[in-house]
């Protein structure tokens, strides 16, 4: 359970050529990531968000299938975290959301994300 000054969120991460680590649980050699431009990562994420917002897909299912973060195994759930634990753009976007809301595209050194605040 998140304490008073913590939030809880799930996210979907798409890594690209500019990401600081070019490997992920589903692309351990980084072959796909090395060939993914930031622009194509963003357009993929926008399409996934459209499917979630329109009700065609559930956030957790999309995260499990498409996220480059190992949290994909938990439907994108990052668990509770406080200020200073995540990269600044990610933290600011999460704290700005209301529970149940999904962010626009958030750009960090890890790649591009959409975030759903869950607590």
PDB file of N, CA and C in Angstrom:
ATOM      1  N   UNK A   1       0.845  -1.189   0.000  1.00  0.00           N
ATOM      2  CA  UNK A   1       0.000   0.000   0.000  1.00  0.00           C
ATOM      3  C   UNK A   1       0.890   1.252   0.000  1.00  0.00           C
ATOM      4  N   UNK A   2       0.540   2.228  -0.799  1.00  0.00           N
ATOM      5  CA  UNK A   2       1.331   3.451  -0.879  1.00  0.00           C
ATOM      6  C   UNK A   2       1.096   4.306   0.366  1.00  0.00           C
ATOM      7  N   UNK A   3       2.179   4.880   0.886  1.00  0.00           N
ATOM      8  CA  UNK A   3       2.024   5.781   2.032  1.00  0.00           C
ATOM      9  C   UNK A   3       1.592   7.153   1.518  1.00  0.00           C
ATOM     10  N   UNK A   4       1.329   8.071   2.428  1.00  0.00           N
ATOM     11  CA  UNK A   4       0.734   9.371   2.078  1.00  0.00           C
ATOM     12  C   UNK A   4       1.518  10.137   1.012  1.00  0.00           C
ATOM     13  N   UNK A   5       2.842  10.063   1.056  1.00  0.00           N
ATOM     14  CA  UNK A   5       3.624  10.843   0.105  1.00  0.00           C
ATOM     15  C   UNK A   5       4.082  10.009  -1.097  1.00  0.00           C
ATOM     16  N   UNK A   6       3.514   8.826  -1.253  1.00  0.00           N
ATOM     17  CA  UNK A   6       3.875   7.975  -2.382  1.00  0.00           C
ATOM     18  C   UNK A   6       2.721   7.878  -3.370  1.00  0.00           C
ATOM     19  N   UNK A   7       3.064   7.496  -4.583  1.00  0.00           N
ATOM     20  CA  UNK A   7       2.068   7.208  -5.606  1.00  0.00           C
ATOM     21  C   UNK A   7       2.325   5.775  -6.074  1.00  0.00           C
ATOM     22  N   UNK A   8       1.363   5.228  -6.790  1.00  0.00           N
ATOM     23  CA  UNK A   8       1.554   3.917  -7.396  1.00  0.00           C
ATOM     24  C   UNK A   8       1.160   4.050  -8.860  1.00  0.00           C
ATOM     25  N   UNK A   9       1.939   3.423  -9.720  1.00  0.00           N
ATOM     26  CA  UNK A   9       1.662   3.576 -11.146  1.00  0.00           C
ATOM     27  C   UNK A   9       2.062   2.320 -11.905  1.00  0.00           C
ATOM     28  N   UNK A  10       1.447   2.192 -13.069  1.00  0.00           N
ATOM     29  CA  UNK A  10       1.843   1.196 -14.059  1.00  0.00           C
ATOM     30  C   UNK A  10       2.274   1.971 -15.291  1.00  0.00           C
ATOM     31  N   UNK A  11       3.145   1.363 -16.089  1.00  0.00           N
ATOM     32  CA  UNK A  11       3.553   2.069 -17.301  1.00  0.00           C
ATOM     33  C   UNK A  11       3.822   1.084 -18.421  1.00  0.00           C
ATOM     34  N   UNK A  12       3.884   1.652 -19.620  1.00  0.00           N
ATOM     35  CA  UNK A  12       4.297   0.920 -20.806  1.00  0.00           C
ATOM     36  C   UNK A  12       5.493   1.688 -21.349  1.00  0.00           C
ATOM     37  N   UNK A  13       6.613   1.002 -21.476  1.00  0.00           N
ATOM     38  CA  UNK A  13       7.856   1.605 -21.954  1.00  0.00           C
ATOM     39  C   UNK A  13       8.184   1.052 -23.331  1.00  0.00           C
ATOM     40  N   UNK A  14       8.475   1.940 -24.264  1.00  0.00           N
ATOM     41  CA  UNK A  14       9.006   1.532 -25.561  1.00  0.00           C
ATOM     42  C   UNK A  14      10.399   2.148 -25.670  1.00  0.00           C
ATOM     43  N   UNK A  15      11.401   1.282 -25.771  1.00  0.00           N
ATOM     44  CA  UNK A  15      12.772   1.758 -25.917  1.00  0.00           C
ATOM     45  C   UNK A  15      13.057   2.050 -27.386  1.00  0.00           C
ATOM     46  N   UNK A  16      14.082   2.884 -27.611  1.00  0.00           N
ATOM     47  CA  UNK A  16      14.463   3.254 -28.978  1.00  0.00           C
ATOM     48  C   UNK A  16      15.977   3.466 -29.031  1.00  0.00           C
ATOM     49  N   UNK A  17      16.463   3.859 -30.199  1.00  0.00           N
ATOM     50  CA  UNK A  17      17.907   4.022 -30.414  1.00  0.00           C
ATOM     51  C   UNK A  17      18.558   4.953 -29.400  1.00  0.00           C
ATOM     52  N   UNK A  18      17.817   5.937 -28.907  1.00  0.00           N
ATOM     53  CA  UNK A  18      18.374   6.906 -27.976  1.00  0.00           C
ATOM     54  C   UNK A  18      18.273   6.496 -26.514  1.00  0.00           C
ATOM     55  N   UNK A  19      17.693   5.333 -26.233  1.00  0.00           N
ATOM     56  CA  UNK A  19      17.543   4.877 -24.847  1.00  0.00           C
ATOM     57  C   UNK A  19      18.905   4.569 -24.242  1.00  0.00           C
ATOM     58  N   UNK A  20      19.030   4.786 -22.940  1.00  0.00           N
ATOM     59  CA  UNK A  20      20.348   4.584 -22.322  1.00  0.00           C
ATOM     60  C   UNK A  20      20.757   3.114 -22.288  1.00  0.00           C
ATOM     61  N   UNK A  21      19.814   2.200 -22.141  1.00  0.00           N
ATOM     62  CA  UNK A  21      20.113   0.764 -22.237  1.00  0.00           C
ATOM     63  C   UNK A  21      19.350   0.228 -23.430  1.00  0.00           C
ATOM     64  N   UNK A  22      20.073  -0.391 -24.352  1.00  0.00           N
ATOM     65  CA  UNK A  22      19.439  -0.800 -25.612  1.00  0.00           C
ATOM     66  C   UNK A  22      19.036  -2.273 -25.603  1.00  0.00           C
ATOM     67  N   UNK A  23      18.734  -2.794 -24.437  1.00  0.00           N
ATOM     68  CA  UNK A  23      18.273  -4.185 -24.352  1.00  0.00           C
ATOM     69  C   UNK A  23      17.083  -4.209 -23.409  1.00  0.00           C
ATOM     70  N   UNK A  24      16.248  -5.219 -23.557  1.00  0.00           N
ATOM     71  CA  UNK A  24      15.113  -5.366 -22.644  1.00  0.00           C
ATOM     72  C   UNK A  24      14.840  -6.848 -22.480  1.00  0.00           C
ATOM     73  N   UNK A  25      13.905  -7.151 -21.590  1.00  0.00           N
ATOM     74  CA  UNK A  25      13.574  -8.558 -21.332  1.00  0.00           C
ATOM     75  C   UNK A  25      13.103  -9.247 -22.610  1.00  0.00           C
ATOM     76  N   UNK A  26      12.467  -8.525 -23.518  1.00  0.00           N
ATOM     77  CA  UNK A  26      11.956  -9.182 -24.716  1.00  0.00           C
ATOM     78  C   UNK A  26      12.891  -9.012 -25.912  1.00  0.00           C
ATOM     79  N   UNK A  27      13.934  -8.213 -25.748  1.00  0.00           N
ATOM     80  CA  UNK A  27      14.912  -7.972 -26.811  1.00  0.00           C
ATOM     81  C   UNK A  27      16.307  -7.930 -26.175  1.00  0.00           C
ATOM     82  N   UNK A  28      16.759  -9.083 -25.627  1.00  0.00           N
ATOM     83  CA  UNK A  28      17.987  -9.092 -24.838  1.00  0.00           C
ATOM     84  C   UNK A  28      19.226  -8.642 -25.618  1.00  0.00           C
ATOM     85  N   UNK A  29      19.230  -8.838 -26.933  1.00  0.00           N
ATOM     86  CA  UNK A  29      20.369  -8.418 -27.744  1.00  0.00           C
ATOM     87  C   UNK A  29      20.224  -6.971 -28.198  1.00  0.00           C
ATOM     88  N   UNK A  30      19.044  -6.398 -28.022  1.00  0.00           N
ATOM     89  CA  UNK A  30      18.809  -5.024 -28.429  1.00  0.00           C
ATOM     90  C   UNK A  30      18.675  -4.835 -29.933  1.00  0.00           C
ATOM     91  N   UNK A  31      18.436  -5.910 -30.664  1.00  0.00           N
ATOM     92  CA  UNK A  31      18.354  -5.807 -32.131  1.00  0.00           C
ATOM     93  C   UNK A  31      17.185  -4.937 -32.588  1.00  0.00           C
ATOM     94  N   UNK A  32      16.017  -5.154 -32.000  1.00  0.00           N
ATOM     95  CA  UNK A  32      14.835  -4.362 -32.380  1.00  0.00           C
ATOM     96  C   UNK A  32      15.014  -2.921 -31.915  1.00  0.00           C
ATOM     97  N   UNK A  33      15.470  -2.759 -30.682  1.00  0.00           N
ATOM     98  CA  UNK A  33      15.613  -1.424 -30.105  1.00  0.00           C
ATOM     99  C   UNK A  33      16.591  -0.569 -30.915  1.00  0.00           C
ATOM    100  N   UNK A  34      17.700  -1.167 -31.352  1.00  0.00           N
ATOM    101  CA  UNK A  34      18.694  -0.420 -32.130  1.00  0.00           C
ATOM    102  C   UNK A  34      18.110   0.089 -33.451  1.00  0.00           C
ATOM    103  N   UNK A  35      17.082  -0.562 -33.952  1.00  0.00           N
ATOM    104  CA  UNK A  35      16.476  -0.175 -35.222  1.00  0.00           C
ATOM    105  C   UNK A  35      15.178   0.614 -35.044  1.00  0.00           C
ATOM    106  N   UNK A  36      14.845   0.945 -33.796  1.00  0.00           N
ATOM    107  CA  UNK A  36      13.616   1.685 -33.519  1.00  0.00           C
ATOM    108  C   UNK A  36      13.958   3.157 -33.318  1.00  0.00           C
ATOM    109  N   UNK A  37      13.409   4.010 -34.166  1.00  0.00           N
ATOM    110  CA  UNK A  37      13.624   5.441 -33.976  1.00  0.00           C
ATOM    111  C   UNK A  37      12.722   5.932 -32.848  1.00  0.00           C
ATOM    112  N   UNK A  38      13.074   7.066 -32.291  1.00  0.00           N
ATOM    113  CA  UNK A  38      12.248   7.663 -31.247  1.00  0.00           C
ATOM    114  C   UNK A  38      10.851   7.948 -31.809  1.00  0.00           C
ATOM    115  N   UNK A  39      10.800   8.428 -33.050  1.00  0.00           N
ATOM    116  CA  UNK A  39       9.512   8.751 -33.681  1.00  0.00           C
ATOM    117  C   UNK A  39       8.633   7.506 -33.806  1.00  0.00           C
ATOM    118  N   UNK A  40       9.224   6.377 -34.211  1.00  0.00           N
ATOM    119  CA  UNK A  40       8.401   5.167 -34.352  1.00  0.00           C
ATOM    120  C   UNK A  40       7.988   4.624 -32.993  1.00  0.00           C
ATOM    121  N   UNK A  41       8.837   4.785 -31.975  1.00  0.00           N
ATOM    122  CA  UNK A  41       8.465   4.379 -30.609  1.00  0.00           C
ATOM    123  C   UNK A  41       7.268   5.196 -30.134  1.00  0.00           C
ATOM    124  N   UNK A  42       7.302   6.508 -30.407  1.00  0.00           N
ATOM    125  CA  UNK A  42       6.198   7.384 -29.997  1.00  0.00           C
ATOM    126  C   UNK A  42       4.918   7.013 -30.740  1.00  0.00           C
ATOM    127  N   UNK A  43       5.014   6.750 -32.042  1.00  0.00           N
ATOM    128  CA  UNK A  43       3.779   6.429 -32.784  1.00  0.00           C
ATOM    129  C   UNK A  43       3.223   5.072 -32.352  1.00  0.00           C
ATOM    130  N   UNK A  44       4.088   4.128 -32.027  1.00  0.00           N
ATOM    131  CA  UNK A  44       3.615   2.837 -31.514  1.00  0.00           C
ATOM    132  C   UNK A  44       2.886   3.040 -30.188  1.00  0.00           C
ATOM    133  N   UNK A  45       3.465   3.848 -29.319  1.00  0.00           N
ATOM    134  CA  UNK A  45       2.871   4.106 -28.012  1.00  0.00           C
ATOM    135  C   UNK A  45       1.531   4.831 -28.145  1.00  0.00           C
ATOM    136  N   UNK A  46       1.441   5.788 -29.071  1.00  0.00           N
ATOM    137  CA  UNK A  46       0.176   6.501 -29.294  1.00  0.00           C
ATOM    138  C   UNK A  46      -0.916   5.540 -29.750  1.00  0.00           C
ATOM    139  N   UNK A  47      -0.564   4.615 -30.633  1.00  0.00           N
ATOM    140  CA  UNK A  47      -1.544   3.627 -31.110  1.00  0.00           C
ATOM    141  C   UNK A  47      -1.996   2.722 -29.962  1.00  0.00           C
ATOM    142  N   UNK A  48      -1.063   2.312 -29.113  1.00  0.00           N
ATOM    143  CA  UNK A  48      -1.414   1.477 -27.959  1.00  0.00           C
ATOM    144  C   UNK A  48      -2.325   2.247 -27.005  1.00  0.00           C
ATOM    145  N   UNK A  49      -2.002   3.523 -26.765  1.00  0.00           N
ATOM    146  CA  UNK A  49      -2.832   4.338 -25.872  1.00  0.00           C
ATOM    147  C   UNK A  49      -4.240   4.483 -26.447  1.00  0.00           C
ATOM    148  N   UNK A  50      -4.344   4.696 -27.762  1.00  0.00           N
ATOM    149  CA  UNK A  50      -5.662   4.812 -28.401  1.00  0.00           C
ATOM    150  C   UNK A  50      -6.495   3.556 -28.164  1.00  0.00           C
ATOM    151  N   UNK A  51      -5.865   2.386 -28.277  1.00  0.00           N
ATOM    152  CA  UNK A  51      -6.578   1.121 -28.043  1.00  0.00           C
ATOM    153  C   UNK A  51      -7.064   1.023 -26.601  1.00  0.00           C
ATOM    154  N   UNK A  52      -6.249   1.495 -25.662  1.00  0.00           N
ATOM    155  CA  UNK A  52      -6.623   1.441 -24.241  1.00  0.00           C
ATOM    156  C   UNK A  52      -7.762   2.416 -23.951  1.00  0.00           C
ATOM    157  N   UNK A  53      -7.602   3.660 -24.407  1.00  0.00           N
ATOM    158  CA  UNK A  53      -8.594   4.702 -24.139  1.00  0.00           C
ATOM    159  C   UNK A  53      -9.941   4.367 -24.792  1.00  0.00           C
ATOM    160  N   UNK A  54      -9.896   3.767 -25.975  1.00  0.00           N
ATOM    161  CA  UNK A  54     -11.138   3.433 -26.688  1.00  0.00           C
ATOM    162  C   UNK A  54     -11.815   2.185 -26.110  1.00  0.00           C
ATOM    163  N   UNK A  55     -11.111   1.477 -25.222  1.00  0.00           N
ATOM    164  CA  UNK A  55     -11.687   0.278 -24.624  1.00  0.00           C
ATOM    165  C   UNK A  55     -11.411  -0.995 -25.407  1.00  0.00           C
ATOM    166  N   UNK A  56     -10.634  -0.890 -26.497  1.00  0.00           N
ATOM    167  CA  UNK A  56     -10.303  -2.075 -27.297  1.00  0.00           C
ATOM    168  C   UNK A  56      -9.343  -3.004 -26.563  1.00  0.00           C
ATOM    169  N   UNK A  57      -8.543  -2.432 -25.650  1.00  0.00           N
ATOM    170  CA  UNK A  57      -7.549  -3.228 -24.937  1.00  0.00           C
ATOM    171  C   UNK A  57      -7.424  -2.714 -23.504  1.00  0.00           C
ATOM    172  N   UNK A  58      -6.985  -3.609 -22.612  1.00  0.00           N
ATOM    173  CA  UNK A  58      -6.765  -3.228 -21.217  1.00  0.00           C
ATOM    174  C   UNK A  58      -5.304  -2.843 -21.027  1.00  0.00           C
ATOM    175  N   UNK A  59      -5.068  -1.822 -20.215  1.00  0.00           N
ATOM    176  CA  UNK A  59      -3.712  -1.332 -19.971  1.00  0.00           C
ATOM    177  C   UNK A  59      -2.775  -2.476 -19.602  1.00  0.00           C
ATOM    178  N   UNK A  60      -3.208  -3.317 -18.649  1.00  0.00           N
ATOM    179  CA  UNK A  60      -2.361  -4.398 -18.148  1.00  0.00           C
ATOM    180  C   UNK A  60      -1.974  -5.368 -19.270  1.00  0.00           C
ATOM    181  N   UNK A  61      -2.952  -5.683 -20.128  1.00  0.00           N
ATOM    182  CA  UNK A  61      -2.678  -6.631 -21.216  1.00  0.00           C
ATOM    183  C   UNK A  61      -1.690  -6.042 -22.224  1.00  0.00           C
ATOM    184  N   UNK A  62      -1.872  -4.765 -22.536  1.00  0.00           N
ATOM    185  CA  UNK A  62      -0.975  -4.097 -23.478  1.00  0.00           C
ATOM    186  C   UNK A  62       0.439  -4.031 -22.892  1.00  0.00           C
ATOM    187  N   UNK A  63       0.536  -3.682 -21.607  1.00  0.00           N
ATOM    188  CA  UNK A  63       1.845  -3.618 -20.946  1.00  0.00           C
ATOM    189  C   UNK A  63       2.530  -4.981 -20.987  1.00  0.00           C
ATOM    190  N   UNK A  64       1.787  -6.030 -20.690  1.00  0.00           N
ATOM    191  CA  UNK A  64       2.359  -7.380 -20.671  1.00  0.00           C
ATOM    192  C   UNK A  64       2.922  -7.765 -22.035  1.00  0.00           C
ATOM    193  N   UNK A  65       2.224  -7.380 -23.091  1.00  0.00           N
ATOM    194  CA  UNK A  65       2.649  -7.760 -24.441  1.00  0.00           C
ATOM    195  C   UNK A  65       3.706  -6.857 -25.048  1.00  0.00           C
ATOM    196  N   UNK A  66       3.644  -5.551 -24.765  1.00  0.00           N
ATOM    197  CA  UNK A  66       4.457  -4.613 -25.535  1.00  0.00           C
ATOM    198  C   UNK A  66       5.518  -3.846 -24.756  1.00  0.00           C
ATOM    199  N   UNK A  67       5.412  -3.746 -23.441  1.00  0.00           N
ATOM    200  CA  UNK A  67       6.360  -2.918 -22.692  1.00  0.00           C
ATOM    201  C   UNK A  67       7.754  -3.524 -22.686  1.00  0.00           C
ATOM    202  N   UNK A  68       8.770  -2.656 -22.837  1.00  0.00           N
ATOM    203  CA  UNK A  68      10.164  -3.092 -22.765  1.00  0.00           C
ATOM    204  C   UNK A  68      10.679  -3.147 -21.328  1.00  0.00           C
ATOM    205  N   UNK A  69       9.864  -2.763 -20.368  1.00  0.00           N
ATOM    206  CA  UNK A  69      10.272  -2.812 -18.963  1.00  0.00           C
ATOM    207  C   UNK A  69       9.939  -4.186 -18.389  1.00  0.00           C
ATOM    208  N   UNK A  70      10.777  -4.670 -17.479  1.00  0.00           N
ATOM    209  CA  UNK A  70      10.496  -5.977 -16.862  1.00  0.00           C
ATOM    210  C   UNK A  70       9.207  -5.954 -16.051  1.00  0.00           C
ATOM    211  N   UNK A  71       8.677  -4.757 -15.750  1.00  0.00           N
ATOM    212  CA  UNK A  71       7.385  -4.667 -15.057  1.00  0.00           C
ATOM    213  C   UNK A  71       6.256  -5.211 -15.932  1.00  0.00           C
ATOM    214  N   UNK A  72       6.538  -5.462 -17.199  1.00  0.00           N
ATOM    215  CA  UNK A  72       5.537  -6.046 -18.106  1.00  0.00           C
ATOM    216  C   UNK A  72       4.977  -7.339 -17.519  1.00  0.00           C
ATOM    217  N   UNK A  73       5.818  -8.073 -16.810  1.00  0.00           N
ATOM    218  CA  UNK A  73       5.390  -9.351 -16.219  1.00  0.00           C
ATOM    219  C   UNK A  73       4.316  -9.141 -15.143  1.00  0.00           C
ATOM    220  N   UNK A  74       4.192  -7.897 -14.659  1.00  0.00           N
ATOM    221  CA  UNK A  74       3.169  -7.548 -13.655  1.00  0.00           C
ATOM    222  C   UNK A  74       2.137  -6.595 -14.261  1.00  0.00           C
ATOM    223  N   UNK A  75       1.954  -6.644 -15.562  1.00  0.00           N
ATOM    224  CA  UNK A  75       0.996  -5.755 -16.218  1.00  0.00           C
ATOM    225  C   UNK A  75       1.432  -4.301 -16.190  1.00  0.00           C
ATOM    226  N   UNK A  76       2.730  -4.082 -16.040  1.00  0.00           N
ATOM    227  CA  UNK A  76       3.274  -2.723 -16.020  1.00  0.00           C
ATOM    228  C   UNK A  76       3.366  -2.106 -14.642  1.00  0.00           C
ATOM    229  N   UNK A  77       2.921  -2.833 -13.610  1.00  0.00           N
ATOM    230  CA  UNK A  77       2.872  -2.286 -12.247  1.00  0.00           C
ATOM    231  C   UNK A  77       4.274  -2.049 -11.699  1.00  0.00           C
ATOM    232  N   UNK A  78       4.534  -0.811 -11.278  1.00  0.00           N
ATOM    233  CA  UNK A  78       5.819  -0.451 -10.669  1.00  0.00           C
ATOM    234  C   UNK A  78       5.756  -0.455  -9.152  1.00  0.00           C
ATOM    235  N   UNK A  79       4.558  -0.629  -8.614  1.00  0.00           N
ATOM    236  CA  UNK A  79       4.405  -0.575  -7.163  1.00  0.00           C
ATOM    237  C   UNK A  79       4.480   0.866  -6.682  1.00  0.00           C
ATOM    238  N   UNK A  80       4.414   1.061  -5.357  1.00  0.00           N
ATOM    239  CA  UNK A  80       4.448   2.416  -4.813  1.00  0.00           C
ATOM    240  C   UNK A  80       5.859   3.007  -4.873  1.00  0.00           C
ATOM    241  N   UNK A  81       5.937   4.305  -5.118  1.00  0.00           N
ATOM    242  CA  UNK A  81       7.224   4.991  -5.067  1.00  0.00           C
ATOM    243  C   UNK A  81       7.011   6.437  -4.639  1.00  0.00           C
ATOM    244  N   UNK A  82       8.070   7.012  -4.121  1.00  0.00           N
ATOM    245  CA  UNK A  82       8.015   8.399  -3.654  1.00  0.00           C
ATOM    246  C   UNK A  82       8.854   9.300  -4.533  1.00  0.00           C
ATOM    247  N   UNK A  83       8.892  10.559  -4.169  1.00  0.00           N
ATOM    248  CA  UNK A  83       9.687  11.533  -4.934  1.00  0.00           C
ATOM    249  C   UNK A  83      11.166  11.171  -4.860  1.00  0.00           C
ATOM    250  N   UNK A  84      11.861  11.367  -5.961  1.00  0.00           N
ATOM    251  CA  UNK A  84      13.295  11.102  -6.001  1.00  0.00           C
ATOM    252  C   UNK A  84      13.650   9.671  -6.357  1.00  0.00           C
ATOM    253  N   UNK A  85      12.667   8.805  -6.573  1.00  0.00           N
ATOM    254  CA  UNK A  85      12.961   7.404  -6.878  1.00  0.00           C
ATOM    255  C   UNK A  85      12.934   7.096  -8.379  1.00  0.00           C
ATOM    256  N   UNK A  86      12.270   7.943  -9.149  1.00  0.00           N
ATOM    257  CA  UNK A  86      12.155   7.738 -10.590  1.00  0.00           C
ATOM    258  C   UNK A  86      12.821   8.909 -11.303  1.00  0.00           C
ATOM    259  N   UNK A  87      13.044   8.745 -12.613  1.00  0.00           N
ATOM    260  CA  UNK A  87      13.569   9.862 -13.379  1.00  0.00           C
ATOM    261  C   UNK A  87      12.576  11.022 -13.300  1.00  0.00           C
ATOM    262  N   UNK A  88      13.102  12.242 -13.254  1.00  0.00           N
ATOM    263  CA  UNK A  88      12.296  13.429 -12.993  1.00  0.00           C
ATOM    264  C   UNK A  88      11.063  13.552 -13.906  1.00  0.00           C
ATOM    265  N   UNK A  89      11.189  13.419 -15.230  1.00  0.00           N
ATOM    266  CA  UNK A  89       9.992  13.581 -16.073  1.00  0.00           C
ATOM    267  C   UNK A  89       8.915  12.538 -15.739  1.00  0.00           C
ATOM    268  N   UNK A  90       9.355  11.316 -15.412  1.00  0.00           N
ATOM    269  CA  UNK A  90       8.428  10.237 -15.068  1.00  0.00           C
ATOM    270  C   UNK A  90       7.716  10.567 -13.766  1.00  0.00           C
ATOM    271  N   UNK A  91       8.490  10.983 -12.774  1.00  0.00           N
ATOM    272  CA  UNK A  91       7.923  11.339 -11.468  1.00  0.00           C
ATOM    273  C   UNK A  91       6.916  12.480 -11.600  1.00  0.00           C
ATOM    274  N   UNK A  92       7.305  13.545 -12.300  1.00  0.00           N
ATOM    275  CA  UNK A  92       6.419  14.697 -12.424  1.00  0.00           C
ATOM    276  C   UNK A  92       5.119  14.327 -13.126  1.00  0.00           C
ATOM    277  N   UNK A  93       5.209  13.530 -14.172  1.00  0.00           N
ATOM    278  CA  UNK A  93       4.006  13.112 -14.907  1.00  0.00           C
ATOM    279  C   UNK A  93       3.093  12.275 -14.013  1.00  0.00           C
ATOM    280  N   UNK A  94       3.679  11.369 -13.242  1.00  0.00           N
ATOM    281  CA  UNK A  94       2.878  10.491 -12.384  1.00  0.00           C
ATOM    282  C   UNK A  94       2.161  11.285 -11.302  1.00  0.00           C
ATOM    283  N   UNK A  95       2.879  12.180 -10.636  1.00  0.00           N
ATOM    284  CA  UNK A  95       2.269  12.971  -9.564  1.00  0.00           C
ATOM    285  C   UNK A  95       1.196  13.909 -10.100  1.00  0.00           C
ATOM    286  N   UNK A  96       1.269  14.281 -11.387  1.00  0.00           N
ATOM    287  CA  UNK A  96       0.284  15.199 -11.969  1.00  0.00           C
ATOM    288  C   UNK A  96      -1.021  14.487 -12.334  1.00  0.00           C
ATOM    289  N   UNK A  97      -0.987  13.152 -12.404  1.00  0.00           N
ATOM    290  CA  UNK A  97      -2.180  12.386 -12.779  1.00  0.00           C
ATOM    291  C   UNK A  97      -3.089  12.155 -11.587  1.00  0.00           C
ATOM    292  N   UNK A  98      -4.373  12.012 -11.864  1.00  0.00           N
ATOM    293  CA  UNK A  98      -5.308  11.514 -10.861  1.00  0.00           C
ATOM    294  C   UNK A  98      -5.336   9.995 -10.990  1.00  0.00           C
ATOM    295  N   UNK A  99      -5.727   9.298  -9.943  1.00  0.00           N
ATOM    296  CA  UNK A  99      -5.813   7.843  -9.980  1.00  0.00           C
ATOM    297  C   UNK A  99      -6.741   7.423 -11.129  1.00  0.00           C
ATOM    298  N   UNK A 100      -6.267   6.506 -11.944  1.00  0.00           N
ATOM    299  CA  UNK A 100      -7.043   6.029 -13.084  1.00  0.00           C
ATOM    300  C   UNK A 100      -6.749   6.754 -14.383  1.00  0.00           C
ATOM    301  N   UNK A 101      -6.072   7.903 -14.305  1.00  0.00           N
ATOM    302  CA  UNK A 101      -5.736   8.656 -15.516  1.00  0.00           C
ATOM    303  C   UNK A 101      -4.493   8.090 -16.189  1.00  0.00           C
ATOM    304  N   UNK A 102      -4.423   8.291 -17.503  1.00  0.00           N
ATOM    305  CA  UNK A 102      -3.273   7.851 -18.297  1.00  0.00           C
ATOM    306  C   UNK A 102      -2.596   9.081 -18.868  1.00  0.00           C
ATOM    307  N   UNK A 103      -1.275   9.114 -18.768  1.00  0.00           N
ATOM    308  CA  UNK A 103      -0.503  10.270 -19.227  1.00  0.00           C
ATOM    309  C   UNK A 103      -0.425  10.334 -20.747  1.00  0.00           C
ATOM    310  N   UNK A 104       0.019  11.495 -21.221  1.00  0.00           N
ATOM    311  CA  UNK A 104       0.467  11.609 -22.603  1.00  0.00           C
ATOM    312  C   UNK A 104       1.839  10.925 -22.661  1.00  0.00           C
ATOM    313  N   UNK A 105       2.502  11.017 -23.792  1.00  0.00           N
ATOM    314  CA  UNK A 105       3.828  10.423 -23.939  1.00  0.00           C
ATOM    315  C   UNK A 105       4.804  11.128 -22.990  1.00  0.00           C
ATOM    316  N   UNK A 106       5.549  10.336 -22.214  1.00  0.00           N
ATOM    317  CA  UNK A 106       6.560  10.870 -21.303  1.00  0.00           C
ATOM    318  C   UNK A 106       7.917  10.360 -21.792  1.00  0.00           C
ATOM    319  N   UNK A 107       8.837  11.290 -22.026  1.00  0.00           N
ATOM    320  CA  UNK A 107      10.150  10.982 -22.567  1.00  0.00           C
ATOM    321  C   UNK A 107      11.182  10.988 -21.442  1.00  0.00           C
ATOM    322  N   UNK A 108      11.904   9.873 -21.254  1.00  0.00           N
ATOM    323  CA  UNK A 108      12.988   9.801 -20.267  1.00  0.00           C
ATOM    324  C   UNK A 108      14.210   9.193 -20.944  1.00  0.00           C
ATOM    325  N   UNK A 109      15.307   9.101 -20.188  1.00  0.00           N
ATOM    326  CA  UNK A 109      16.523   8.468 -20.709  1.00  0.00           C
ATOM    327  C   UNK A 109      16.303   6.994 -21.025  1.00  0.00           C
ATOM    328  N   UNK A 110      15.279   6.387 -20.423  1.00  0.00           N
ATOM    329  CA  UNK A 110      14.999   4.970 -20.641  1.00  0.00           C
ATOM    330  C   UNK A 110      14.261   4.721 -21.949  1.00  0.00           C
ATOM    331  N   UNK A 111      13.508   5.715 -22.420  1.00  0.00           N
ATOM    332  CA  UNK A 111      12.693   5.563 -23.613  1.00  0.00           C
ATOM    333  C   UNK A 111      11.437   6.411 -23.467  1.00  0.00           C
ATOM    334  N   UNK A 112      10.375   6.015 -24.168  1.00  0.00           N
ATOM    335  CA  UNK A 112       9.114   6.750 -24.063  1.00  0.00           C
ATOM    336  C   UNK A 112       8.089   5.878 -23.340  1.00  0.00           C
ATOM    337  N   UNK A 113       7.260   6.513 -22.555  1.00  0.00           N
ATOM    338  CA  UNK A 113       6.318   5.818 -21.694  1.00  0.00           C
ATOM    339  C   UNK A 113       4.912   6.407 -21.822  1.00  0.00           C
ATOM    340  N   UNK A 114       3.911   5.598 -21.495  1.00  0.00           N
ATOM    341  CA  UNK A 114       2.632   6.129 -21.027  1.00  0.00           C
ATOM    342  C   UNK A 114       2.465   5.553 -19.625  1.00  0.00           C
ATOM    343  N   UNK A 115       1.913   6.370 -18.769  1.00  0.00           N
ATOM    344  CA  UNK A 115       1.819   6.020 -17.340  1.00  0.00           C
ATOM    345  C   UNK A 115       0.355   6.047 -16.924  1.00  0.00           C
ATOM    346  N   UNK A 116      -0.059   5.060 -16.169  1.00  0.00           N
ATOM    347  CA  UNK A 116      -1.384   5.085 -15.556  1.00  0.00           C
ATOM    348  C   UNK A 116      -1.188   5.102 -14.048  1.00  0.00           C
ATOM    349  N   UNK A 117      -1.699   6.146 -13.422  1.00  0.00           N
ATOM    350  CA  UNK A 117      -1.610   6.217 -11.963  1.00  0.00           C
ATOM    351  C   UNK A 117      -2.660   5.280 -11.368  1.00  0.00           C
ATOM    352  N   UNK A 118      -2.225   4.429 -10.459  1.00  0.00           N
ATOM    353  CA  UNK A 118      -3.125   3.441  -9.881  1.00  0.00           C
ATOM    354  C   UNK A 118      -3.335   3.661  -8.382  1.00  0.00           C
ATOM    355  N   UNK A 119      -2.585   4.566  -7.793  1.00  0.00           N
ATOM    356  CA  UNK A 119      -2.761   4.798  -6.364  1.00  0.00           C
ATOM    357  C   UNK A 119      -1.997   6.013  -5.899  1.00  0.00           C
TER     358      UNK A 119
END
